Amino acid sequence: MNKKLIIKLILPIAILASGCGIEPQKVVPEPYILGQASFHKVCANCHGADAMGTNKAPGLIHSKYSEVNFSNKKVAKTIMNGSSSGAMPAQKNKVNQEDIKQIIKYLRYAQKDITPENS
């Protein structure tokens, strides 16, 4: 094979592979896989793999963001419109209502083991 042909074959694969963003590190049960995939597509670049946080945005596996302290409605509103502080941009052009529903379902599953020691 010549070099041009190799580049034409390999380059698209490399671009697709690198364009996947941050990959999940944790395996979740089947009912949460869609939410995990949507989270990693839309949110993980800032909130980190498995919502554990980065220097760009906080981890969401924390009691501060549990359903008791941060309602599902507030999560949905924040995803759509961004945070009231402006730190998080609106994601309304990247998600639909089903994506948001699945992201919230995944986050609530991931938060299920929050204890005072890890919050």
Protein backbone atom coordinates (compact mmCIF):
# COMPACT_ATOMS: atom_id res chain seq x y z
CA MET A 1 0.00 0.00 0.00
CA ASN A 2 1.18 3.48 -0.65
CA LYS A 3 1.34 6.16 2.03
CA LYS A 4 -1.63 8.15 0.70
CA LEU A 5 -3.89 5.12 0.84
CA ILE A 6 -2.77 4.31 4.38
CA ILE A 7 -3.46 7.89 5.46
CA LYS A 8 -6.90 7.77 3.84
CA LEU A 9 -7.72 4.58 5.75
CA ILE A 10 -6.11 5.30 9.11
CA LEU A 11 -6.83 9.02 9.53
CA PRO A 12 -10.64 8.74 9.71
CA ILE A 13 -10.38 5.91 12.22
CA ALA A 14 -7.95 7.92 14.37
CA ILE A 15 -10.21 10.99 14.25
CA LEU A 16 -13.25 8.96 15.23
CA ALA A 17 -11.41 7.24 18.04
CA SER A 18 -10.02 10.48 19.47
CA GLY A 19 -13.34 12.29 19.06
CA CYS A 20 -15.10 10.01 21.51
CA GLY A 21 -14.02 12.17 24.43
CA ILE A 22 -13.64 10.88 27.93
CA GLU A 23 -14.63 7.25 28.32
CA PRO A 24 -16.43 5.89 31.37
CA GLN A 25 -14.30 3.97 33.83
CA LYS A 26 -17.16 2.31 35.73
CA VAL A 27 -19.48 -0.39 34.46
CA VAL A 28 -23.14 0.31 35.16
CA PRO A 29 -26.18 -1.98 34.94
CA GLU A 30 -28.08 -2.04 31.64
CA PRO A 31 -30.84 0.43 32.67
CA TYR A 32 -28.20 3.17 33.14
CA ILE A 33 -26.06 2.63 30.04
CA LEU A 34 -27.91 5.17 27.86
CA GLY A 35 -27.58 7.81 30.56
CA GLN A 36 -23.92 7.04 31.05
CA ALA A 37 -23.32 7.34 27.30
CA SER A 38 -25.22 10.64 27.12
CA PHE A 39 -23.36 11.97 30.18
CA HIS A 40 -20.00 11.08 28.65
CA LYS A 41 -20.96 12.61 25.33
CA VAL A 42 -22.18 15.92 26.77
CA CYS A 43 -20.93 16.38 30.33
CA ALA A 44 -17.74 14.40 30.97
CA ASN A 45 -15.40 16.80 29.21
CA CYS A 46 -15.93 19.21 32.11
CA HIS A 47 -17.34 17.06 34.94
CA GLY A 48 -14.92 14.21 34.33
CA ALA A 49 -15.13 10.50 33.76
CA ASP A 50 -17.95 9.05 35.83
CA ALA A 51 -18.86 12.56 37.10
CA MET A 52 -15.86 12.67 39.43
CA GLY A 53 -14.91 16.26 38.55
CA THR A 54 -12.00 18.04 36.88
CA ASN A 55 -10.33 21.42 37.16
CA LYS A 56 -13.09 22.69 34.81
CA ALA A 57 -16.14 21.64 36.82
CA PRO A 58 -17.05 19.92 40.09
CA GLY A 59 -17.67 16.25 40.60
CA LEU A 60 -21.36 15.44 40.79
CA ILE A 61 -21.00 12.38 43.01
CA HIS A 62 -21.39 14.51 46.11
CA SER A 63 -24.20 15.08 48.60
CA LYS A 64 -24.43 18.70 47.40
CA TYR A 65 -25.83 17.36 44.11
CA SER A 66 -27.96 14.56 45.59
CA GLU A 67 -31.68 14.58 44.83
CA VAL A 68 -32.42 15.90 48.31
CA ASN A 69 -30.26 18.99 47.73
CA PHE A 70 -30.45 19.38 43.95
CA SER A 71 -33.76 18.26 42.46
CA ASN A 72 -34.10 16.45 39.14
CA LYS A 73 -35.97 19.50 37.85
CA LYS A 74 -33.03 21.73 38.81
CA VAL A 75 -30.56 19.34 37.15
CA ALA A 76 -32.64 19.39 33.94
CA LYS A 77 -32.92 23.19 34.02
CA THR A 78 -29.16 23.54 34.59
CA ILE A 79 -28.34 21.19 31.71
CA MET A 80 -30.66 23.10 29.38
CA ASN A 81 -29.91 26.68 30.44
CA GLY A 82 -26.52 26.50 32.13
CA SER A 83 -25.79 27.43 35.73
CA SER A 84 -27.10 30.63 37.28
CA SER A 85 -23.49 31.72 37.91
CA GLY A 86 -22.67 31.33 34.23
CA ALA A 87 -19.86 28.87 35.00
CA MET A 88 -21.66 26.10 33.13
CA PRO A 89 -22.87 26.91 29.62
CA ALA A 90 -26.28 25.87 28.33
CA GLN A 91 -26.33 22.45 26.68
CA LYS A 92 -29.76 22.79 25.04
CA ASN A 93 -28.30 22.42 21.55
CA LYS A 94 -26.58 19.16 22.49
CA VAL A 95 -29.36 17.26 24.26
CA ASN A 96 -33.05 16.49 24.01
CA GLN A 97 -35.50 15.75 26.82
CA GLU A 98 -34.84 12.00 26.66
CA ASP A 99 -31.07 12.59 26.93
CA ILE A 100 -31.64 14.72 30.02
CA LYS A 101 -33.93 12.12 31.56
CA GLN A 102 -31.31 9.41 30.99
CA ILE A 103 -28.44 11.60 32.29
CA ILE A 104 -30.36 12.28 35.49
CA LYS A 105 -31.20 8.59 35.88
CA TYR A 106 -27.50 7.73 35.48
CA LEU A 107 -26.37 10.44 37.92
CA ARG A 108 -28.84 9.31 40.57
CA TYR A 109 -27.60 5.74 40.18
CA ALA A 110 -23.97 6.89 40.44
CA GLN A 111 -24.82 8.92 43.55
CA LYS A 112 -26.51 6.03 45.35
CA ASP A 113 -23.47 5.25 47.49
CA ILE A 114 -22.86 8.81 48.68
CA THR A 115 -22.04 8.77 52.36
CA PRO A 116 -20.87 11.55 54.70
CA GLU A 117 -17.32 10.20 54.35
CA ASN A 118 -17.21 10.74 50.59
CA SER A 119 -19.23 13.91 50.27
